[in-house]
Amino acid sequence: MRIEGRVEKITDAESDAYFQSRPQGSRLGAWASPQSQVIVDRGVLEDNIDKYNAQFGDGEIPRPAHWGGYRIVPTVVGVLAGAQQPIA
């Protein structure tokens, strides 16, 4: 499959809604993982998970400011289904 189109950042409200729909472990992981940084080992992530689990407890886990998403607004969708050339 091939998709072409423009990319747009989703709104904070859309990011918030999607973030809250994710499992608790995934939300904690978003806080625990230092994005785009090298970590020594998995223990760093596990320690961070414990830290944020203690911080948020059973309460709501807010979306980190650095966490959001993008969407592709397609203008062309091509499908290659058992053929040599895509159908666009």
N, C-alpha and C. Protein backbone atom coordinates (compact mmCIF):
# COMPACT_ATOMS: atom_id res chain seq x y z
N MET A 1 0.84 -1.16 0.00
CA MET A 1 0.00 0.00 0.00
C MET A 1 0.89 1.23 0.00
N ARG A 2 0.48 2.22 -0.72
CA ARG A 2 1.19 3.49 -0.79
C ARG A 2 0.18 4.60 -0.57
N ILE A 3 0.52 5.51 0.34
CA ILE A 3 -0.36 6.64 0.63
C ILE A 3 0.43 7.91 0.45
N GLU A 4 -0.13 8.85 -0.30
CA GLU A 4 0.46 10.17 -0.46
C GLU A 4 -0.55 11.19 0.03
N GLY A 5 -0.04 12.27 0.58
CA GLY A 5 -0.92 13.33 1.04
C GLY A 5 -0.17 14.30 1.90
N ARG A 6 -0.91 15.15 2.55
CA ARG A 6 -0.25 16.12 3.43
C ARG A 6 -0.32 15.63 4.88
N VAL A 7 0.66 16.04 5.64
CA VAL A 7 0.74 15.66 7.05
C VAL A 7 0.34 16.87 7.88
N GLU A 8 -0.48 16.62 8.89
CA GLU A 8 -0.86 17.70 9.79
C GLU A 8 -0.79 17.23 11.23
N LYS A 9 -0.39 18.13 12.10
CA LYS A 9 -0.33 17.82 13.52
C LYS A 9 -1.76 17.78 14.05
N ILE A 10 -2.06 16.77 14.87
CA ILE A 10 -3.40 16.72 15.45
C ILE A 10 -3.47 17.72 16.61
N THR A 11 -4.67 18.08 16.98
CA THR A 11 -4.87 19.07 18.04
C THR A 11 -4.52 18.48 19.40
N ASP A 12 -4.30 19.36 20.37
CA ASP A 12 -4.06 18.91 21.74
C ASP A 12 -5.24 18.09 22.26
N ALA A 13 -6.45 18.49 21.92
CA ALA A 13 -7.63 17.76 22.38
C ALA A 13 -7.65 16.34 21.81
N GLU A 14 -7.29 16.18 20.52
CA GLU A 14 -7.23 14.85 19.93
C GLU A 14 -6.12 14.02 20.57
N SER A 15 -4.97 14.65 20.81
CA SER A 15 -3.86 13.95 21.47
C SER A 15 -4.27 13.52 22.87
N ASP A 16 -4.93 14.41 23.61
CA ASP A 16 -5.38 14.08 24.96
C ASP A 16 -6.34 12.89 24.95
N ALA A 17 -7.31 12.92 24.05
CA ALA A 17 -8.30 11.85 23.97
C ALA A 17 -7.63 10.51 23.64
N TYR A 18 -6.74 10.52 22.67
CA TYR A 18 -6.07 9.27 22.30
C TYR A 18 -5.17 8.78 23.44
N PHE A 19 -4.44 9.71 24.06
CA PHE A 19 -3.55 9.34 25.16
C PHE A 19 -4.35 8.67 26.28
N GLN A 20 -5.49 9.24 26.65
CA GLN A 20 -6.30 8.68 27.73
C GLN A 20 -6.93 7.34 27.36
N SER A 21 -7.04 7.04 26.06
CA SER A 21 -7.62 5.75 25.64
C SER A 21 -6.59 4.62 25.72
N ARG A 22 -5.34 4.95 25.90
CA ARG A 22 -4.27 3.94 25.94
C ARG A 22 -4.20 3.28 27.32
N PRO A 23 -3.69 2.04 27.38
CA PRO A 23 -3.56 1.37 28.68
C PRO A 23 -2.64 2.15 29.63
N GLN A 24 -2.82 1.97 30.92
CA GLN A 24 -2.04 2.69 31.92
C GLN A 24 -0.54 2.51 31.70
N GLY A 25 -0.10 1.29 31.40
CA GLY A 25 1.32 1.04 31.19
C GLY A 25 1.89 1.85 30.03
N SER A 26 1.10 2.02 28.99
CA SER A 26 1.55 2.82 27.84
C SER A 26 1.64 4.29 28.20
N ARG A 27 0.68 4.76 29.01
CA ARG A 27 0.72 6.17 29.43
C ARG A 27 1.91 6.43 30.34
N LEU A 28 2.20 5.49 31.25
CA LEU A 28 3.39 5.63 32.10
C LEU A 28 4.66 5.58 31.25
N GLY A 29 4.66 4.70 30.26
CA GLY A 29 5.81 4.57 29.37
C GLY A 29 6.11 5.85 28.61
N ALA A 30 5.07 6.61 28.28
CA ALA A 30 5.27 7.88 27.58
C ALA A 30 6.05 8.86 28.47
N TRP A 31 5.81 8.80 29.76
CA TRP A 31 6.55 9.64 30.71
C TRP A 31 7.95 9.08 30.95
N ALA A 32 8.06 7.76 31.01
CA ALA A 32 9.31 7.11 31.41
C ALA A 32 10.38 7.12 30.33
N SER A 33 9.97 7.14 29.07
CA SER A 33 10.93 7.02 27.99
C SER A 33 11.47 8.38 27.57
N PRO A 34 12.78 8.60 27.75
CA PRO A 34 13.37 9.87 27.31
C PRO A 34 13.52 9.85 25.79
N GLN A 35 12.53 10.38 25.10
CA GLN A 35 12.48 10.31 23.65
C GLN A 35 13.73 10.86 22.98
N SER A 36 14.18 10.15 21.96
CA SER A 36 15.33 10.54 21.14
C SER A 36 16.63 10.64 21.93
N GLN A 37 16.71 9.92 23.03
CA GLN A 37 17.93 9.88 23.82
C GLN A 37 18.37 8.43 24.00
N VAL A 38 19.67 8.22 24.04
CA VAL A 38 20.20 6.89 24.29
C VAL A 38 20.10 6.61 25.78
N ILE A 39 19.67 5.40 26.13
CA ILE A 39 19.62 4.99 27.53
C ILE A 39 20.60 3.85 27.74
N VAL A 40 21.10 3.72 28.97
CA VAL A 40 22.11 2.71 29.28
C VAL A 40 21.54 1.30 29.14
N ASP A 41 20.36 1.09 29.71
CA ASP A 41 19.74 -0.23 29.64
C ASP A 41 18.27 -0.12 30.02
N ARG A 42 17.59 -1.24 29.97
CA ARG A 42 16.15 -1.29 30.27
C ARG A 42 15.84 -0.82 31.69
N GLY A 43 16.82 -1.00 32.60
CA GLY A 43 16.63 -0.59 33.98
C GLY A 43 16.28 0.88 34.12
N VAL A 44 16.81 1.71 33.24
CA VAL A 44 16.48 3.14 33.27
C VAL A 44 14.98 3.32 33.07
N LEU A 45 14.42 2.62 32.09
CA LEU A 45 12.98 2.72 31.83
C LEU A 45 12.16 2.17 33.00
N GLU A 46 12.61 1.03 33.54
CA GLU A 46 11.88 0.43 34.66
C GLU A 46 11.91 1.34 35.89
N ASP A 47 13.06 1.97 36.15
CA ASP A 47 13.15 2.91 37.27
C ASP A 47 12.23 4.11 37.04
N ASN A 48 12.20 4.60 35.81
CA ASN A 48 11.33 5.74 35.49
C ASN A 48 9.86 5.36 35.60
N ILE A 49 9.51 4.15 35.17
CA ILE A 49 8.12 3.67 35.32
C ILE A 49 7.74 3.69 36.80
N ASP A 50 8.61 3.16 37.66
CA ASP A 50 8.33 3.15 39.10
C ASP A 50 8.16 4.57 39.63
N LYS A 51 9.04 5.48 39.19
CA LYS A 51 8.98 6.88 39.64
C LYS A 51 7.64 7.52 39.27
N TYR A 52 7.22 7.35 38.00
CA TYR A 52 5.97 7.99 37.57
C TYR A 52 4.75 7.26 38.10
N ASN A 53 4.85 5.97 38.33
CA ASN A 53 3.75 5.23 38.94
C ASN A 53 3.51 5.76 40.35
N ALA A 54 4.60 6.02 41.09
CA ALA A 54 4.48 6.59 42.44
C ALA A 54 3.93 8.02 42.37
N GLN A 55 4.36 8.77 41.38
CA GLN A 55 3.91 10.17 41.26
C GLN A 55 2.42 10.26 40.95
N PHE A 56 1.94 9.45 40.01
CA PHE A 56 0.54 9.55 39.58
C PHE A 56 -0.38 8.63 40.37
N GLY A 57 0.17 7.56 40.95
CA GLY A 57 -0.65 6.64 41.72
C GLY A 57 -1.82 6.12 40.91
N ASP A 58 -2.99 6.11 41.54
CA ASP A 58 -4.20 5.64 40.86
C ASP A 58 -4.95 6.78 40.18
N GLY A 59 -4.37 7.99 40.21
CA GLY A 59 -5.04 9.13 39.59
C GLY A 59 -4.84 9.17 38.09
N GLU A 60 -5.36 10.21 37.50
CA GLU A 60 -5.22 10.41 36.06
C GLU A 60 -3.76 10.65 35.70
N ILE A 61 -3.34 10.05 34.62
CA ILE A 61 -1.99 10.28 34.11
C ILE A 61 -2.13 11.28 32.96
N PRO A 62 -1.65 12.51 33.14
CA PRO A 62 -1.81 13.50 32.08
C PRO A 62 -0.88 13.22 30.91
N ARG A 63 -1.22 13.74 29.77
CA ARG A 63 -0.38 13.59 28.58
C ARG A 63 0.85 14.47 28.72
N PRO A 64 2.05 13.89 28.53
CA PRO A 64 3.25 14.73 28.57
C PRO A 64 3.21 15.77 27.44
N ALA A 65 3.78 16.92 27.67
CA ALA A 65 3.76 18.01 26.67
C ALA A 65 4.42 17.58 25.36
N HIS A 66 5.41 16.70 25.42
CA HIS A 66 6.13 16.28 24.21
C HIS A 66 5.38 15.22 23.42
N TRP A 67 4.29 14.71 23.93
CA TRP A 67 3.59 13.58 23.34
C TRP A 67 2.43 14.08 22.49
N GLY A 68 2.40 13.72 21.24
CA GLY A 68 1.30 14.11 20.36
C GLY A 68 1.36 13.28 19.09
N GLY A 69 0.62 13.69 18.12
CA GLY A 69 0.59 12.88 16.91
C GLY A 69 0.36 13.69 15.66
N TYR A 70 0.45 12.97 14.57
CA TYR A 70 0.24 13.54 13.24
C TYR A 70 -0.71 12.63 12.48
N ARG A 71 -1.34 13.17 11.48
CA ARG A 71 -2.17 12.35 10.61
C ARG A 71 -1.82 12.68 9.16
N ILE A 72 -2.02 11.71 8.32
CA ILE A 72 -1.86 11.90 6.89
C ILE A 72 -3.26 12.11 6.32
N VAL A 73 -3.43 13.20 5.59
CA VAL A 73 -4.68 13.45 4.87
C VAL A 73 -4.40 13.01 3.43
N PRO A 74 -4.89 11.80 3.07
CA PRO A 74 -4.50 11.22 1.78
C PRO A 74 -5.05 11.98 0.58
N THR A 75 -4.21 12.06 -0.44
CA THR A 75 -4.64 12.56 -1.75
C THR A 75 -4.55 11.44 -2.78
N VAL A 76 -3.67 10.45 -2.51
CA VAL A 76 -3.52 9.28 -3.38
C VAL A 76 -3.35 8.05 -2.50
N VAL A 77 -4.09 6.99 -2.83
CA VAL A 77 -3.92 5.71 -2.16
C VAL A 77 -3.70 4.67 -3.24
N GLY A 78 -2.57 3.97 -3.15
CA GLY A 78 -2.26 2.94 -4.14
C GLY A 78 -2.23 1.58 -3.47
N VAL A 79 -2.74 0.57 -4.17
CA VAL A 79 -2.79 -0.78 -3.63
C VAL A 79 -2.07 -1.72 -4.59
N LEU A 80 -1.16 -2.50 -4.08
CA LEU A 80 -0.47 -3.53 -4.86
C LEU A 80 -0.93 -4.86 -4.30
N ALA A 81 -1.86 -5.48 -4.99
CA ALA A 81 -2.45 -6.72 -4.49
C ALA A 81 -2.20 -7.85 -5.49
N GLY A 82 -1.05 -8.50 -5.35
CA GLY A 82 -0.74 -9.63 -6.23
C GLY A 82 -0.41 -9.23 -7.65
N ALA A 83 -0.14 -7.96 -7.87
CA ALA A 83 0.19 -7.48 -9.21
C ALA A 83 1.60 -6.90 -9.19
N GLN A 84 2.16 -6.72 -10.36
CA GLN A 84 3.50 -6.15 -10.47
C GLN A 84 3.49 -4.63 -10.36
N GLN A 85 2.41 -3.99 -10.73
CA GLN A 85 2.31 -2.54 -10.70
C GLN A 85 1.20 -2.11 -9.75
N PRO A 86 1.41 -1.05 -8.98
CA PRO A 86 0.35 -0.59 -8.08
C PRO A 86 -0.82 0.01 -8.85
N ILE A 87 -1.96 -0.08 -8.24
CA ILE A 87 -3.16 0.58 -8.76
C ILE A 87 -3.34 1.84 -7.96
N ALA A 88 -3.26 3.00 -8.61
CA ALA A 88 -3.37 4.27 -7.87
C ALA A 88 -4.53 5.07 -8.38
